[in-house]
Amino acid sequence: MAREVNPRVRVIARATYLREIPALRRAGADAVFTGEGEVALSMTEFILSGLGASGEQIDRERDRIREELFGTPLAIEVLMPPPLRPATTAAPAQAAERPSGDGEPTRSAADRG
């Protein structure tokens, strides 16, 4: 019904159980999140950390499990546009200077030499 009013609307759903994800996707949900899946991810991270896994290993395993459970590494990233970066208006010479605390600008090592 929401897509009849606005065909571009993004539908985000919450499911209690992982087994509910396929039905919600078939019903038109763009992304489905489930508490059961998030708890499984947290438990996996806790166990891997306790076994001495590196942060990189934990991240890799989290992405693999998220892909398996939800169909994407992080569904919300697919739905949200990338953040806008603020435009920089300072000239390069001005950007290299910063106040030293005594009112005088401090130059970086590259500008001093």
PDB file of N, CA and C in Angstrom:
ATOM      1  N   MET A   1       0.815  -1.192   0.000  1.00  0.00           N
ATOM      2  CA  MET A   1       0.000   0.000   0.000  1.00  0.00           C
ATOM      3  C   MET A   1       0.865   1.264   0.000  1.00  0.00           C
ATOM      4  N   ALA A   2       1.940   1.259   0.775  1.00  0.00           N
ATOM      5  CA  ALA A   2       2.811   2.440   0.832  1.00  0.00           C
ATOM      6  C   ALA A   2       3.421   2.729  -0.531  1.00  0.00           C
ATOM      7  N   ARG A   3       3.783   1.691  -1.292  1.00  0.00           N
ATOM      8  CA  ARG A   3       4.382   1.898  -2.613  1.00  0.00           C
ATOM      9  C   ARG A   3       3.360   2.412  -3.621  1.00  0.00           C
ATOM     10  N   GLU A   4       2.078   2.178  -3.378  1.00  0.00           N
ATOM     11  CA  GLU A   4       1.055   2.736  -4.256  1.00  0.00           C
ATOM     12  C   GLU A   4       1.026   4.254  -4.116  1.00  0.00           C
ATOM     13  N   VAL A   5       1.234   4.743  -2.906  1.00  0.00           N
ATOM     14  CA  VAL A   5       1.243   6.181  -2.644  1.00  0.00           C
ATOM     15  C   VAL A   5       2.563   6.791  -3.096  1.00  0.00           C
ATOM     16  N   ASN A   6       3.671   6.086  -2.816  1.00  0.00           N
ATOM     17  CA  ASN A   6       5.000   6.586  -3.165  1.00  0.00           C
ATOM     18  C   ASN A   6       5.866   5.412  -3.628  1.00  0.00           C
ATOM     19  N   PRO A   7       6.013   5.206  -4.926  1.00  0.00           N
ATOM     20  CA  PRO A   7       6.780   4.072  -5.435  1.00  0.00           C
ATOM     21  C   PRO A   7       8.244   4.068  -5.000  1.00  0.00           C
ATOM     22  N   ARG A   8       8.778   5.213  -4.573  1.00  0.00           N
ATOM     23  CA  ARG A   8      10.186   5.302  -4.168  1.00  0.00           C
ATOM     24  C   ARG A   8      10.400   5.077  -2.672  1.00  0.00           C
ATOM     25  N   VAL A   9       9.346   4.820  -1.924  1.00  0.00           N
ATOM     26  CA  VAL A   9       9.464   4.645  -0.475  1.00  0.00           C
ATOM     27  C   VAL A   9      10.335   3.429  -0.170  1.00  0.00           C
ATOM     28  N   ARG A  10      11.135   3.528   0.867  1.00  0.00           N
ATOM     29  CA  ARG A  10      11.951   2.410   1.345  1.00  0.00           C
ATOM     30  C   ARG A  10      11.223   1.752   2.498  1.00  0.00           C
ATOM     31  N   VAL A  11      11.027   0.455   2.410  1.00  0.00           N
ATOM     32  CA  VAL A  11      10.307  -0.279   3.444  1.00  0.00           C
ATOM     33  C   VAL A  11      11.320  -1.031   4.301  1.00  0.00           C
ATOM     34  N   ILE A  12      11.350  -0.697   5.572  1.00  0.00           N
ATOM     35  CA  ILE A  12      12.243  -1.329   6.543  1.00  0.00           C
ATOM     36  C   ILE A  12      11.356  -2.040   7.560  1.00  0.00           C
ATOM     37  N   ALA A  13      11.654  -3.321   7.788  1.00  0.00           N
ATOM     38  CA  ALA A  13      10.816  -4.117   8.681  1.00  0.00           C
ATOM     39  C   ALA A  13      11.645  -4.721   9.806  1.00  0.00           C
ATOM     40  N   ARG A  14      10.953  -5.013  10.907  1.00  0.00           N
ATOM     41  CA  ARG A  14      11.573  -5.695  12.040  1.00  0.00           C
ATOM     42  C   ARG A  14      10.846  -7.012  12.250  1.00  0.00           C
ATOM     43  N   ALA A  15      11.631  -8.080  12.358  1.00  0.00           N
ATOM     44  CA  ALA A  15      11.070  -9.398  12.609  1.00  0.00           C
ATOM     45  C   ALA A  15      11.584  -9.892  13.948  1.00  0.00           C
ATOM     46  N   THR A  16      10.794 -10.709  14.591  1.00  0.00           N
ATOM     47  CA  THR A  16      11.250 -11.299  15.840  1.00  0.00           C
ATOM     48  C   THR A  16      12.199 -12.456  15.574  1.00  0.00           C
ATOM     49  N   TYR A  17      11.868 -13.263  14.577  1.00  0.00           N
ATOM     50  CA  TYR A  17      12.649 -14.466  14.283  1.00  0.00           C
ATOM     51  C   TYR A  17      13.209 -14.436  12.868  1.00  0.00           C
ATOM     52  N   LEU A  18      14.334 -15.082  12.689  1.00  0.00           N
ATOM     53  CA  LEU A  18      14.977 -15.161  11.378  1.00  0.00           C
ATOM     54  C   LEU A  18      14.056 -15.800  10.343  1.00  0.00           C
ATOM     55  N   ARG A  19      13.263 -16.763  10.739  1.00  0.00           N
ATOM     56  CA  ARG A  19      12.394 -17.467   9.788  1.00  0.00           C
ATOM     57  C   ARG A  19      11.330 -16.548   9.176  1.00  0.00           C
ATOM     58  N   GLU A  20      11.122 -15.368   9.755  1.00  0.00           N
ATOM     59  CA  GLU A  20      10.130 -14.432   9.240  1.00  0.00           C
ATOM     60  C   GLU A  20      10.677 -13.552   8.113  1.00  0.00           C
ATOM     61  N   ILE A  21      11.986 -13.532   7.933  1.00  0.00           N
ATOM     62  CA  ILE A  21      12.608 -12.648   6.944  1.00  0.00           C
ATOM     63  C   ILE A  21      12.101 -12.908   5.528  1.00  0.00           C
ATOM     64  N   PRO A  22      12.087 -14.157   5.035  1.00  0.00           N
ATOM     65  CA  PRO A  22      11.640 -14.375   3.648  1.00  0.00           C
ATOM     66  C   PRO A  22      10.230 -13.858   3.365  1.00  0.00           C
ATOM     67  N   ALA A  23       9.303 -14.061   4.289  1.00  0.00           N
ATOM     68  CA  ALA A  23       7.926 -13.594   4.081  1.00  0.00           C
ATOM     69  C   ALA A  23       7.875 -12.068   4.011  1.00  0.00           C
ATOM     70  N   LEU A  24       8.633 -11.396   4.850  1.00  0.00           N
ATOM     71  CA  LEU A  24       8.638  -9.935   4.829  1.00  0.00           C
ATOM     72  C   LEU A  24       9.288  -9.404   3.547  1.00  0.00           C
ATOM     73  N   ARG A  25      10.322 -10.083   3.072  1.00  0.00           N
ATOM     74  CA  ARG A  25      10.937  -9.700   1.794  1.00  0.00           C
ATOM     75  C   ARG A  25       9.943  -9.882   0.648  1.00  0.00           C
ATOM     76  N   ARG A  26       9.250 -11.033   0.640  1.00  0.00           N
ATOM     77  CA  ARG A  26       8.253 -11.278  -0.411  1.00  0.00           C
ATOM     78  C   ARG A  26       7.131 -10.236  -0.356  1.00  0.00           C
ATOM     79  N   ALA A  27       6.831  -9.753   0.835  1.00  0.00           N
ATOM     80  CA  ALA A  27       5.787  -8.737   0.992  1.00  0.00           C
ATOM     81  C   ALA A  27       6.255  -7.356   0.547  1.00  0.00           C
ATOM     82  N   GLY A  28       7.567  -7.234   0.248  1.00  0.00           N
ATOM     83  CA  GLY A  28       8.060  -5.971  -0.290  1.00  0.00           C
ATOM     84  C   GLY A  28       9.055  -5.219   0.569  1.00  0.00           C
ATOM     85  N   ALA A  29       9.456  -5.764   1.688  1.00  0.00           N
ATOM     86  CA  ALA A  29      10.423  -5.063   2.543  1.00  0.00           C
ATOM     87  C   ALA A  29      11.785  -4.985   1.838  1.00  0.00           C
ATOM     88  N   ASP A  30      12.383  -3.807   1.849  1.00  0.00           N
ATOM     89  CA  ASP A  30      13.722  -3.625   1.281  1.00  0.00           C
ATOM     90  C   ASP A  30      14.783  -4.166   2.223  1.00  0.00           C
ATOM     91  N   ALA A  31      14.546  -4.049   3.500  1.00  0.00           N
ATOM     92  CA  ALA A  31      15.484  -4.539   4.508  1.00  0.00           C
ATOM     93  C   ALA A  31      14.687  -5.061   5.695  1.00  0.00           C
ATOM     94  N   VAL A  32      15.172  -6.152   6.273  1.00  0.00           N
ATOM     95  CA  VAL A  32      14.512  -6.734   7.436  1.00  0.00           C
ATOM     96  C   VAL A  32      15.566  -6.952   8.513  1.00  0.00           C
ATOM     97  N   PHE A  33      15.272  -6.493   9.706  1.00  0.00           N
ATOM     98  CA  PHE A  33      16.169  -6.663  10.841  1.00  0.00           C
ATOM     99  C   PHE A  33      15.470  -7.546  11.865  1.00  0.00           C
ATOM    100  N   THR A  34      16.245  -8.381  12.538  1.00  0.00           N
ATOM    101  CA  THR A  34      15.653  -9.279  13.517  1.00  0.00           C
ATOM    102  C   THR A  34      16.493  -9.321  14.779  1.00  0.00           C
ATOM    103  N   GLY A  35      15.811  -9.261  15.919  1.00  0.00           N
ATOM    104  CA  GLY A  35      16.501  -9.327  17.201  1.00  0.00           C
ATOM    105  C   GLY A  35      17.256 -10.635  17.363  1.00  0.00           C
ATOM    106  N   GLU A  36      16.667 -11.717  16.899  1.00  0.00           N
ATOM    107  CA  GLU A  36      17.307 -13.024  17.002  1.00  0.00           C
ATOM    108  C   GLU A  36      18.654 -13.027  16.268  1.00  0.00           C
ATOM    109  N   GLY A  37      18.691 -12.434  15.093  1.00  0.00           N
ATOM    110  CA  GLY A  37      19.935 -12.375  14.328  1.00  0.00           C
ATOM    111  C   GLY A  37      20.977 -11.491  14.986  1.00  0.00           C
ATOM    112  N   GLU A  38      20.546 -10.355  15.535  1.00  0.00           N
ATOM    113  CA  GLU A  38      21.486  -9.444  16.193  1.00  0.00           C
ATOM    114  C   GLU A  38      22.080 -10.078  17.445  1.00  0.00           C
ATOM    115  N   VAL A  39      21.267 -10.836  18.181  1.00  0.00           N
ATOM    116  CA  VAL A  39      21.780 -11.540  19.366  1.00  0.00           C
ATOM    117  C   VAL A  39      22.805 -12.577  18.936  1.00  0.00           C
ATOM    118  N   ALA A  40      22.526 -13.301  17.860  1.00  0.00           N
ATOM    119  CA  ALA A  40      23.483 -14.296  17.349  1.00  0.00           C
ATOM    120  C   ALA A  40      24.804 -13.635  16.971  1.00  0.00           C
ATOM    121  N   LEU A  41      24.731 -12.472  16.343  1.00  0.00           N
ATOM    122  CA  LEU A  41      25.955 -11.747  15.984  1.00  0.00           C
ATOM    123  C   LEU A  41      26.737 -11.321  17.225  1.00  0.00           C
ATOM    124  N   SER A  42      26.043 -10.799  18.215  1.00  0.00           N
ATOM    125  CA  SER A  42      26.712 -10.365  19.451  1.00  0.00           C
ATOM    126  C   SER A  42      27.378 -11.534  20.172  1.00  0.00           C
ATOM    127  N   MET A  43      26.690 -12.662  20.198  1.00  0.00           N
ATOM    128  CA  MET A  43      27.268 -13.845  20.845  1.00  0.00           C
ATOM    129  C   MET A  43      28.517 -14.312  20.095  1.00  0.00           C
ATOM    130  N   THR A  44      28.451 -14.294  18.780  1.00  0.00           N
ATOM    131  CA  THR A  44      29.606 -14.697  17.965  1.00  0.00           C
ATOM    132  C   THR A  44      30.796 -13.783  18.238  1.00  0.00           C
ATOM    133  N   GLU A  45      30.555 -12.471  18.262  1.00  0.00           N
ATOM    134  CA  GLU A  45      31.635 -11.516  18.549  1.00  0.00           C
ATOM    135  C   GLU A  45      32.236 -11.776  19.924  1.00  0.00           C
ATOM    136  N   PHE A  46      31.393 -12.020  20.917  1.00  0.00           N
ATOM    137  CA  PHE A  46      31.860 -12.268  22.281  1.00  0.00           C
ATOM    138  C   PHE A  46      32.737 -13.522  22.327  1.00  0.00           C
ATOM    139  N   ILE A  47      32.276 -14.587  21.688  1.00  0.00           N
ATOM    140  CA  ILE A  47      33.025 -15.846  21.694  1.00  0.00           C
ATOM    141  C   ILE A  47      34.354 -15.688  20.976  1.00  0.00           C
ATOM    142  N   LEU A  48      34.335 -15.070  19.797  1.00  0.00           N
ATOM    143  CA  LEU A  48      35.574 -14.892  19.036  1.00  0.00           C
ATOM    144  C   LEU A  48      36.572 -14.026  19.802  1.00  0.00           C
ATOM    145  N   SER A  49      36.081 -12.979  20.439  1.00  0.00           N
ATOM    146  CA  SER A  49      36.959 -12.114  21.235  1.00  0.00           C
ATOM    147  C   SER A  49      37.593 -12.903  22.370  1.00  0.00           C
ATOM    148  N   GLY A  50      36.800 -13.733  23.041  1.00  0.00           N
ATOM    149  CA  GLY A  50      37.311 -14.567  24.134  1.00  0.00           C
ATOM    150  C   GLY A  50      38.344 -15.583  23.675  1.00  0.00           C
ATOM    151  N   LEU A  51      38.247 -15.976  22.409  1.00  0.00           N
ATOM    152  CA  LEU A  51      39.210 -16.932  21.854  1.00  0.00           C
ATOM    153  C   LEU A  51      40.464 -16.245  21.315  1.00  0.00           C
ATOM    154  N   GLY A  52      40.498 -14.916  21.410  1.00  0.00           N
ATOM    155  CA  GLY A  52      41.686 -14.173  20.995  1.00  0.00           C
ATOM    156  C   GLY A  52      41.688 -13.731  19.543  1.00  0.00           C
ATOM    157  N   ALA A  53      40.544 -13.735  18.886  1.00  0.00           N
ATOM    158  CA  ALA A  53      40.479 -13.289  17.490  1.00  0.00           C
ATOM    159  C   ALA A  53      40.789 -11.799  17.410  1.00  0.00           C
ATOM    160  N   SER A  54      41.422 -11.394  16.323  1.00  0.00           N
ATOM    161  CA  SER A  54      41.731  -9.975  16.119  1.00  0.00           C
ATOM    162  C   SER A  54      40.456  -9.242  15.708  1.00  0.00           C
ATOM    163  N   GLY A  55      40.485  -7.934  15.807  1.00  0.00           N
ATOM    164  CA  GLY A  55      39.345  -7.117  15.384  1.00  0.00           C
ATOM    165  C   GLY A  55      39.012  -7.359  13.930  1.00  0.00           C
ATOM    166  N   GLU A  56      40.041  -7.519  13.104  1.00  0.00           N
ATOM    167  CA  GLU A  56      39.830  -7.769  11.675  1.00  0.00           C
ATOM    168  C   GLU A  56      39.134  -9.119  11.452  1.00  0.00           C
ATOM    169  N   GLN A  57      39.549 -10.128  12.203  1.00  0.00           N
ATOM    170  CA  GLN A  57      38.913 -11.445  12.086  1.00  0.00           C
ATOM    171  C   GLN A  57      37.446 -11.384  12.521  1.00  0.00           C
ATOM    172  N   ILE A  58      37.183 -10.662  13.602  1.00  0.00           N
ATOM    173  CA  ILE A  58      35.817 -10.527  14.100  1.00  0.00           C
ATOM    174  C   ILE A  58      34.958  -9.786  13.068  1.00  0.00           C
ATOM    175  N   ASP A  59      35.497  -8.710  12.496  1.00  0.00           N
ATOM    176  CA  ASP A  59      34.757  -7.963  11.478  1.00  0.00           C
ATOM    177  C   ASP A  59      34.424  -8.839  10.278  1.00  0.00           C
ATOM    178  N   ARG A  60      35.407  -9.605   9.826  1.00  0.00           N
ATOM    179  CA  ARG A  60      35.217 -10.476   8.674  1.00  0.00           C
ATOM    180  C   ARG A  60      34.122 -11.517   8.953  1.00  0.00           C
ATOM    181  N   GLU A  61      34.163 -12.116  10.149  1.00  0.00           N
ATOM    182  CA  GLU A  61      33.172 -13.130  10.508  1.00  0.00           C
ATOM    183  C   GLU A  61      31.784 -12.507  10.679  1.00  0.00           C
ATOM    184  N   ARG A  62      31.725 -11.304  11.272  1.00  0.00           N
ATOM    185  CA  ARG A  62      30.448 -10.602  11.438  1.00  0.00           C
ATOM    186  C   ARG A  62      29.821 -10.340  10.066  1.00  0.00           C
ATOM    187  N   ASP A  63      30.636  -9.874   9.106  1.00  0.00           N
ATOM    188  CA  ASP A  63      30.114  -9.605   7.760  1.00  0.00           C
ATOM    189  C   ASP A  63      29.625 -10.888   7.087  1.00  0.00           C
ATOM    190  N   ARG A  64      30.351 -11.977   7.277  1.00  0.00           N
ATOM    191  CA  ARG A  64      29.956 -13.255   6.673  1.00  0.00           C
ATOM    192  C   ARG A  64      28.615 -13.727   7.250  1.00  0.00           C
ATOM    193  N   ILE A  65      28.484 -13.646   8.570  1.00  0.00           N
ATOM    194  CA  ILE A  65      27.248 -14.095   9.211  1.00  0.00           C
ATOM    195  C   ILE A  65      26.087 -13.176   8.840  1.00  0.00           C
ATOM    196  N   ARG A  66      26.329 -11.884   8.834  1.00  0.00           N
ATOM    197  CA  ARG A  66      25.266 -10.933   8.468  1.00  0.00           C
ATOM    198  C   ARG A  66      24.785 -11.215   7.041  1.00  0.00           C
ATOM    199  N   GLU A  67      25.715 -11.483   6.143  1.00  0.00           N
ATOM    200  CA  GLU A  67      25.364 -11.819   4.757  1.00  0.00           C
ATOM    201  C   GLU A  67      24.495 -13.077   4.726  1.00  0.00           C
ATOM    202  N   GLU A  68      24.887 -14.072   5.507  1.00  0.00           N
ATOM    203  CA  GLU A  68      24.142 -15.336   5.547  1.00  0.00           C
ATOM    204  C   GLU A  68      22.744 -15.149   6.150  1.00  0.00           C
ATOM    205  N   LEU A  69      22.637 -14.369   7.215  1.00  0.00           N
ATOM    206  CA  LEU A  69      21.356 -14.197   7.897  1.00  0.00           C
ATOM    207  C   LEU A  69      20.427 -13.217   7.200  1.00  0.00           C
ATOM    208  N   PHE A  70      20.989 -12.097   6.755  1.00  0.00           N
ATOM    209  CA  PHE A  70      20.162 -11.003   6.253  1.00  0.00           C
ATOM    210  C   PHE A  70      20.292 -10.757   4.760  1.00  0.00           C
ATOM    211  N   GLY A  71      21.279 -11.354   4.108  1.00  0.00           N
ATOM    212  CA  GLY A  71      21.427 -11.185   2.672  1.00  0.00           C
ATOM    213  C   GLY A  71      22.293 -10.018   2.249  1.00  0.00           C
ATOM    214  N   THR A  72      22.831  -9.278   3.184  1.00  0.00           N
ATOM    215  CA  THR A  72      23.707  -8.157   2.861  1.00  0.00           C
ATOM    216  C   THR A  72      24.601  -7.891   4.063  1.00  0.00           C
ATOM    217  N   PRO A  73      25.825  -7.396   3.840  1.00  0.00           N
ATOM    218  CA  PRO A  73      26.697  -7.122   4.983  1.00  0.00           C
ATOM    219  C   PRO A  73      26.053  -6.208   6.021  1.00  0.00           C
ATOM    220  N   LEU A  74      25.371  -5.182   5.588  1.00  0.00           N
ATOM    221  CA  LEU A  74      24.628  -4.336   6.519  1.00  0.00           C
ATOM    222  C   LEU A  74      23.517  -3.669   5.728  1.00  0.00           C
ATOM    223  N   ALA A  75      22.331  -4.182   5.859  1.00  0.00           N
ATOM    224  CA  ALA A  75      21.216  -3.755   5.018  1.00  0.00           C
ATOM    225  C   ALA A  75      20.985  -2.254   5.083  1.00  0.00           C
ATOM    226  N   ILE A  76      21.165  -1.639   6.219  1.00  0.00           N
ATOM    227  CA  ILE A  76      20.887  -0.206   6.342  1.00  0.00           C
ATOM    228  C   ILE A  76      21.830   0.619   5.469  1.00  0.00           C
ATOM    229  N   GLU A  77      23.054   0.147   5.244  1.00  0.00           N
ATOM    230  CA  GLU A  77      23.980   0.868   4.374  1.00  0.00           C
ATOM    231  C   GLU A  77      23.462   0.921   2.949  1.00  0.00           C
ATOM    232  N   VAL A  78      22.747  -0.103   2.530  1.00  0.00           N
ATOM    233  CA  VAL A  78      22.191  -0.141   1.190  1.00  0.00           C
ATOM    234  C   VAL A  78      21.082   0.892   1.055  1.00  0.00           C
ATOM    235  N   LEU A  79      20.351   1.122   2.118  1.00  0.00           N
ATOM    236  CA  LEU A  79      19.198   2.012   2.079  1.00  0.00           C
ATOM    237  C   LEU A  79      19.548   3.482   2.242  1.00  0.00           C
ATOM    238  N   MET A  80      20.607   3.773   2.937  1.00  0.00           N
ATOM    239  CA  MET A  80      20.930   5.153   3.262  1.00  0.00           C
ATOM    240  C   MET A  80      21.934   5.717   2.270  1.00  0.00           C
ATOM    241  N   PRO A  81      21.736   6.948   1.804  1.00  0.00           N
ATOM    242  CA  PRO A  81      22.732   7.551   0.920  1.00  0.00           C
ATOM    243  C   PRO A  81      23.998   7.851   1.707  1.00  0.00           C
ATOM    244  N   PRO A  82      25.151   7.923   1.028  1.00  0.00           N
ATOM    245  CA  PRO A  82      26.378   8.240   1.747  1.00  0.00           C
ATOM    246  C   PRO A  82      26.286   9.641   2.359  1.00  0.00           C
ATOM    247  N   PRO A  83      26.939   9.853   3.508  1.00  0.00           N
ATOM    248  CA  PRO A  83      26.878  11.171   4.147  1.00  0.00           C
ATOM    249  C   PRO A  83      27.561  12.226   3.281  1.00  0.00           C
ATOM    250  N   LEU A  84      27.025  13.431   3.315  1.00  0.00           N
ATOM    251  CA  LEU A  84      27.634  14.536   2.583  1.00  0.00           C
ATOM    252  C   LEU A  84      28.883  14.996   3.311  1.00  0.00           C
ATOM    253  N   ARG A  85      29.912  15.276   2.564  1.00  0.00           N
ATOM    254  CA  ARG A  85      31.143  15.788   3.168  1.00  0.00           C
ATOM    255  C   ARG A  85      31.113  17.303   3.117  1.00  0.00           C
ATOM    256  N   PRO A  86      31.492  17.961   4.201  1.00  0.00           N
ATOM    257  CA  PRO A  86      31.480  19.426   4.188  1.00  0.00           C
ATOM    258  C   PRO A  86      32.503  19.953   3.198  1.00  0.00           C
ATOM    259  N   ALA A  87      32.124  20.991   2.492  1.00  0.00           N
ATOM    260  CA  ALA A  87      33.036  21.613   1.534  1.00  0.00           C
ATOM    261  C   ALA A  87      34.113  22.384   2.283  1.00  0.00           C
ATOM    262  N   THR A  88      35.333  22.306   1.800  1.00  0.00           N
ATOM    263  CA  THR A  88      36.416  23.071   2.407  1.00  0.00           C
ATOM    264  C   THR A  88      36.619  24.327   1.593  1.00  0.00           C
ATOM    265  N   THR A  89      36.636  25.469   2.274  1.00  0.00           N
ATOM    266  CA  THR A  89      36.781  26.745   1.589  1.00  0.00           C
ATOM    267  C   THR A  89      38.117  27.398   1.871  1.00  0.00           C
ATOM    268  N   ALA A  90      38.886  26.865   2.799  1.00  0.00           N
ATOM    269  CA  ALA A  90      40.165  27.473   3.158  1.00  0.00           C
ATOM    270  C   ALA A  90      41.198  27.176   2.086  1.00  0.00           C
ATOM    271  N   ALA A  91      42.029  28.152   1.786  1.00  0.00           N
ATOM    272  CA  ALA A  91      43.131  27.972   0.849  1.00  0.00           C
ATOM    273  C   ALA A  91      44.161  27.062   1.499  1.00  0.00           C
ATOM    274  N   PRO A  92      44.988  26.342   0.716  1.00  0.00           N
ATOM    275  CA  PRO A  92      45.966  25.414   1.298  1.00  0.00           C
ATOM    276  C   PRO A  92      46.867  26.054   2.340  1.00  0.00           C
ATOM    277  N   ALA A  93      47.325  27.274   2.125  1.00  0.00           N
ATOM    278  CA  ALA A  93      48.209  27.914   3.102  1.00  0.00           C
ATOM    279  C   ALA A  93      47.470  28.190   4.401  1.00  0.00           C
ATOM    280  N   GLN A  94      46.219  28.587   4.302  1.00  0.00           N
ATOM    281  CA  GLN A  94      45.437  28.851   5.503  1.00  0.00           C
ATOM    282  C   GLN A  94      45.134  27.565   6.245  1.00  0.00           C
ATOM    283  N   ALA A  95      44.900  26.483   5.525  1.00  0.00           N
ATOM    284  CA  ALA A  95      44.554  25.222   6.159  1.00  0.00           C
ATOM    285  C   ALA A  95      45.720  24.669   6.959  1.00  0.00           C
ATOM    286  N   ALA A  96      46.959  24.998   6.583  1.00  0.00           N
ATOM    287  CA  ALA A  96      48.131  24.471   7.272  1.00  0.00           C
ATOM    288  C   ALA A  96      48.375  25.189   8.589  1.00  0.00           C
ATOM    289  N   GLU A  97      47.808  26.394   8.758  1.00  0.00           N
ATOM    290  CA  GLU A  97      48.003  27.146   9.993  1.00  0.00           C
ATOM    291  C   GLU A  97      46.908  26.802  10.984  1.00  0.00           C
ATOM    292  N   ARG A  98      47.298  26.731  12.254  1.00  0.00           N
ATOM    293  CA  ARG A  98      46.309  26.541  13.306  1.00  0.00           C
ATOM    294  C   ARG A  98      46.788  27.313  14.533  1.00  0.00           C
ATOM    295  N   PRO A  99      45.875  27.843  15.321  1.00  0.00           N
ATOM    296  CA  PRO A  99      46.294  28.626  16.491  1.00  0.00           C
ATOM    297  C   PRO A  99      47.095  27.777  17.469  1.00  0.00           C
ATOM    298  N   SER A 100      48.124  28.391  18.052  1.00  0.00           N
ATOM    299  CA  SER A 100      48.971  27.669  19.005  1.00  0.00           C
ATOM    300  C   SER A 100      48.498  27.838  20.438  1.00  0.00           C
ATOM    301  N   GLY A 101      47.524  28.683  20.646  1.00  0.00           N
ATOM    302  CA  GLY A 101      47.032  28.912  21.994  1.00  0.00           C
ATOM    303  C   GLY A 101      47.486  30.269  22.515  1.00  0.00           C
ATOM    304  N   ASP A 102      48.560  30.854  21.910  1.00  0.00           N
ATOM    305  CA  ASP A 102      49.039  32.163  22.346  1.00  0.00           C
ATOM    306  C   ASP A 102      48.666  33.249  21.348  1.00  0.00           C
ATOM    307  N   GLY A 103      47.764  32.902  20.422  1.00  0.00           N
ATOM    308  CA  GLY A 103      47.322  33.883  19.441  1.00  0.00           C
ATOM    309  C   GLY A 103      48.109  33.836  18.150  1.00  0.00           C
ATOM    310  N   GLU A 104      49.268  33.213  18.151  1.00  0.00           N
ATOM    311  CA  GLU A 104      50.085  33.116  16.947  1.00  0.00           C
ATOM    312  C   GLU A 104      49.794  31.803  16.234  1.00  0.00           C
ATOM    313  N   PRO A 105      49.714  31.834  14.891  1.00  0.00           N
ATOM    314  CA  PRO A 105      49.472  30.581  14.174  1.00  0.00           C
ATOM    315  C   PRO A 105      50.673  29.651  14.254  1.00  0.00           C
ATOM    316  N   THR A 106      50.418  28.384  14.277  1.00  0.00           N
ATOM    317  CA  THR A 106      51.464  27.364  14.280  1.00  0.00           C
ATOM    318  C   THR A 106      51.455  26.703  12.922  1.00  0.00           C
ATOM    319  N   ARG A 107      52.623  26.541  12.324  1.00  0.00           N
ATOM    320  CA  ARG A 107      52.701  25.904  11.010  1.00  0.00           C
ATOM    321  C   ARG A 107      53.104  24.446  11.188  1.00  0.00           C
ATOM    322  N   SER A 108      52.661  23.632  10.234  1.00  0.00           N
ATOM    323  CA  SER A 108      53.050  22.229  10.268  1.00  0.00           C
ATOM    324  C   SER A 108      54.517  22.101   9.920  1.00  0.00           C
ATOM    325  N   ALA A 109      55.125  20.955  10.198  1.00  0.00           N
ATOM    326  CA  ALA A 109      56.544  20.705   9.931  1.00  0.00           C
ATOM    327  C   ALA A 109      56.850  20.871   8.452  1.00  0.00           C
ATOM    328  N   ALA A 110      55.933  20.489   7.575  1.00  0.00           N
ATOM    329  CA  ALA A 110      56.167  20.612   6.138  1.00  0.00           C
ATOM    330  C   ALA A 110      56.255  22.070   5.723  1.00  0.00           C
ATOM    331  N   ASP A 111      55.491  22.974   6.381  1.00  0.00           N
ATOM    332  CA  ASP A 111      55.528  24.384   6.035  1.00  0.00           C
ATOM    333  C   ASP A 111      56.759  25.088   6.584  1.00  0.00           C
ATOM    334  N   ARG A 112      57.332  24.566   7.677  1.00  0.00           N
ATOM    335  CA  ARG A 112      58.484  25.209   8.293  1.00  0.00           C
ATOM    336  C   ARG A 112      59.765  24.965   7.515  1.00  0.00           C
ATOM    337  N   GLY A 113      59.869  23.844   6.817  1.00  0.00           N
ATOM    338  CA  GLY A 113      61.120  23.472   6.193  1.00  0.00           C
ATOM    339  C   GLY A 113      61.228  23.863   4.833  1.00  0.00           C
TER     340      GLY A 113
END
